[in-house]
Amino acid sequence: MDMTWITSRIAVGGGIWNEENMQELVRKGVTHIIDMQIEFDDRPLAEPHGVYVLYNPTDDDFQIKPPELFQRGVDFALEALSDDESKVYIHCAAGVHRAPMMTLAIMRVLGWSLEKAKDLIQTRRYVVDFADCYVESVERFMEIYERAQPETTR
């Protein structure tokens, strides 16, 4: 299974594709999956294991991504991470562009600076390639996200 732990509770990687890989994720404690790949929907594989899946498909087309794409993933991840026992696996087909992009958005919302989050993700998962348009998409989302937060949380 092609997965890399970025933090103790957030992992990034490639497609799950089959029952054997889903079982491996469950053995590693994954309780929630953010599936960013348009190529394959993990929900049927996850259902028998009680793993929650957000199917959030997006093309790896090197185009600016809409804030709604990130909002869905962030909401799902924050809800999952509110339970101390949960672990989140964020993936696309190869774990190079789309999954790291979503992981970056989640880490930014969790309070990481852009550079520190990028550095940690790339240090832990060396195959990550942060396309400029994807980083720009995350930062555009963060501007909207931060404006929407109550004054007391800023």
Protein backbone atom coordinates (compact mmCIF):
# COMPACT_ATOMS: atom_id res chain seq x y z
CA MET A 1 0.00 0.00 0.00
CA ASP A 2 1.47 3.32 -1.11
CA MET A 3 0.89 5.53 1.93
CA THR A 4 2.95 7.99 3.94
CA TRP A 5 2.14 9.28 7.42
CA ILE A 6 2.49 13.07 7.44
CA THR A 7 1.41 13.39 11.07
CA SER A 8 0.45 10.64 13.50
CA ARG A 9 -3.16 10.93 12.30
CA ILE A 10 -2.97 12.13 8.69
CA ALA A 11 -1.59 9.98 5.87
CA VAL A 12 -1.27 10.65 2.14
CA GLY A 13 -0.89 8.25 -0.72
CA GLY A 14 -2.06 6.59 -3.88
CA GLY A 15 -5.19 4.72 -4.83
CA ILE A 16 -6.61 1.92 -2.73
CA TRP A 17 -8.03 0.00 -5.69
CA ASN A 18 -8.76 -3.35 -4.00
CA GLU A 19 -9.94 -5.19 -0.89
CA GLU A 20 -6.44 -6.20 0.19
CA ASN A 21 -5.29 -2.58 0.32
CA MET A 22 -8.46 -1.52 2.16
CA GLN A 23 -7.79 -4.20 4.77
CA GLU A 24 -4.24 -2.91 5.18
CA LEU A 25 -5.53 0.62 5.79
CA VAL A 26 -7.93 -0.68 8.42
CA ARG A 27 -5.10 -2.60 10.13
CA LYS A 28 -3.13 0.68 10.24
CA GLY A 29 -6.01 2.37 12.04
CA VAL A 30 -7.48 4.44 9.21
CA THR A 31 -11.06 5.37 10.04
CA HIS A 32 -11.71 8.07 7.41
CA ILE A 33 -10.71 8.44 3.77
CA ILE A 34 -10.72 11.50 1.54
CA ASP A 35 -10.76 10.13 -1.99
CA MET A 36 -9.61 12.86 -4.38
CA GLN A 37 -9.31 10.65 -7.45
CA ILE A 38 -11.87 10.85 -10.19
CA GLU A 39 -10.74 7.44 -11.44
CA PHE A 40 -12.18 5.23 -8.66
CA ASP A 41 -14.78 5.57 -5.89
CA ASP A 42 -13.66 3.86 -2.65
CA ARG A 43 -17.06 3.81 -0.96
CA PRO A 44 -18.00 0.23 -1.94
CA LEU A 45 -14.62 -1.07 -0.68
CA ALA A 46 -14.85 0.85 2.60
CA GLU A 47 -18.45 0.12 3.53
CA PRO A 48 -17.94 -3.44 4.88
CA HIS A 49 -15.15 -2.13 7.13
CA GLY A 50 -17.06 0.79 8.63
CA VAL A 51 -14.57 3.27 7.20
CA TYR A 52 -16.05 6.66 6.36
CA VAL A 53 -15.28 7.96 2.87
CA LEU A 54 -15.62 11.41 1.37
CA TYR A 55 -15.60 10.92 -2.37
CA ASN A 56 -14.30 14.31 -3.49
CA PRO A 57 -13.24 13.63 -7.10
CA THR A 58 -11.20 16.16 -9.02
CA ASP A 59 -9.24 16.05 -12.23
CA ASP A 60 -5.47 16.33 -12.05
CA ASP A 61 -5.64 18.94 -14.81
CA PHE A 62 -3.37 21.65 -13.38
CA GLN A 63 -6.25 24.12 -13.25
CA ILE A 64 -7.29 26.32 -10.31
CA LYS A 65 -9.58 24.33 -7.99
CA PRO A 66 -12.76 25.79 -6.47
CA PRO A 67 -12.96 26.61 -2.75
CA GLU A 68 -15.90 24.21 -2.37
CA LEU A 69 -13.62 21.28 -3.15
CA PHE A 70 -11.40 22.19 -0.20
CA GLN A 71 -14.30 23.07 2.08
CA ARG A 72 -15.79 19.58 1.70
CA GLY A 73 -12.45 17.95 2.52
CA VAL A 74 -11.66 20.28 5.41
CA ASP A 75 -15.09 19.83 6.99
CA PHE A 76 -14.80 16.05 6.70
CA ALA A 77 -11.24 16.00 8.11
CA LEU A 78 -12.00 18.34 11.01
CA GLU A 79 -15.02 16.25 11.98
CA ALA A 80 -12.91 13.08 11.82
CA LEU A 81 -10.01 14.58 13.76
CA SER A 82 -12.34 15.78 16.52
CA ASP A 83 -12.30 12.12 17.67
CA ASP A 84 -8.87 11.39 19.15
CA GLU A 85 -9.00 7.80 17.86
CA SER A 86 -9.57 8.70 14.21
CA LYS A 87 -6.98 8.61 11.46
CA VAL A 88 -7.47 10.12 8.02
CA TYR A 89 -6.05 8.81 4.75
CA ILE A 90 -6.07 11.35 1.90
CA HIS A 91 -5.37 9.96 -1.52
CA CYS A 92 -5.63 10.31 -5.27
CA ALA A 93 -4.34 7.88 -7.89
CA ALA A 94 -0.61 8.36 -7.23
CA GLY A 95 -0.40 10.62 -4.17
CA VAL A 96 1.64 13.22 -6.03
CA HIS A 97 -0.68 16.17 -6.79
CA ARG A 98 -4.32 16.08 -5.67
CA ALA A 99 -3.98 14.34 -2.29
CA PRO A 100 -1.04 16.51 -1.18
CA MET A 101 -3.03 19.57 -2.31
CA MET A 102 -5.93 18.60 -0.01
CA THR A 103 -3.54 17.71 2.80
CA LEU A 104 -1.99 21.15 2.47
CA ALA A 105 -5.43 22.77 2.81
CA ILE A 106 -6.23 20.72 5.91
CA MET A 107 -2.90 21.51 7.53
CA ARG A 108 -3.32 25.21 6.76
CA VAL A 109 -6.73 25.18 8.48
CA LEU A 110 -5.14 23.36 11.43
CA GLY A 111 -2.77 26.33 11.83
CA TRP A 112 0.31 25.36 9.87
CA SER A 113 2.02 28.06 7.82
CA LEU A 114 2.12 27.43 4.09
CA GLU A 115 5.87 26.82 3.98
CA LYS A 116 6.03 24.60 7.07
CA ALA A 117 3.12 22.47 5.85
CA LYS A 118 4.61 22.13 2.36
CA ASP A 119 8.02 21.28 3.80
CA LEU A 120 6.65 18.61 6.12
CA ILE A 121 4.53 17.00 3.41
CA GLN A 122 7.40 16.97 0.90
CA THR A 123 9.94 15.79 3.46
CA ARG A 124 7.78 12.87 4.52
CA ARG A 125 6.51 12.02 1.01
CA TYR A 126 9.32 12.88 -1.38
CA VAL A 127 7.30 12.18 -4.57
CA VAL A 128 4.97 15.12 -3.86
CA ASP A 129 4.93 17.80 -6.54
CA PHE A 130 3.13 20.96 -5.46
CA ALA A 131 1.95 22.49 -8.73
CA ASP A 132 1.85 26.28 -8.45
CA CYS A 133 -1.83 26.41 -9.47
CA TYR A 134 -2.75 23.92 -6.74
CA VAL A 135 -0.90 25.88 -4.05
CA GLU A 136 -2.58 29.04 -5.34
CA SER A 137 -5.94 27.24 -5.10
CA VAL A 138 -5.27 26.34 -1.47
CA GLU A 139 -4.29 29.91 -0.62
CA ARG A 140 -7.40 31.30 -2.34
CA PHE A 141 -9.46 28.86 -0.26
CA MET A 142 -7.65 29.98 2.90
CA GLU A 143 -8.50 33.62 2.25
CA ILE A 144 -12.20 32.72 2.05
CA TYR A 145 -11.99 30.31 4.98
CA GLU A 146 -10.26 32.83 7.26
CA ARG A 147 -12.74 35.59 6.38
CA ALA A 148 -15.59 33.26 7.37
CA GLN A 149 -14.17 32.48 10.82
CA PRO A 150 -15.53 34.30 13.87
CA GLU A 151 -13.31 37.13 15.09
CA THR A 152 -12.45 35.19 18.28
CA THR A 153 -10.79 32.37 16.32
CA ARG A 154 -8.57 34.58 14.18
